[in-house]
Amino acid sequence: MKKIVAFLLIALAFCTLIPVAVSALEITVFTPGDVNTDNVVNDKDAELLLDLLAGIESEDAKKPDVNRDGNVDNVDAVLLLKFLAGYDVELCKDPNEGWTGDY
């Protein structure tokens, strides 16, 4: 009987710890082209990227490296503008590749 009670107490403790551990987890998903990280790729992202390339920095431009090559340049702008215009372009091959941390 003591073993059953001990097992149930351990199971109860384990079950109460799981939601705490899971709720503390934060998962960030990168969406190529989502410069301002609002989970939508739209004209605002293009505006922020073009401003950044023109020397106008914004705190909202959090992920301007659209193709994840480690550089923020005209290639990113062209890819994003083509994507927004409806062209069939691949913004980046693998969102996990080329992660720089800054962009």
Foldseek 3Di string as FASTA:
>chain_A
DVVVVVVVVVVVVVVVVVVVVVVVDDDDDDDQQQQQRPPDRAPVSLVQLVCVQVVNHDPSRQPQQRALQQDRDVVSNVQSVCVRVPHPDDRYDDPVPNDDPRD
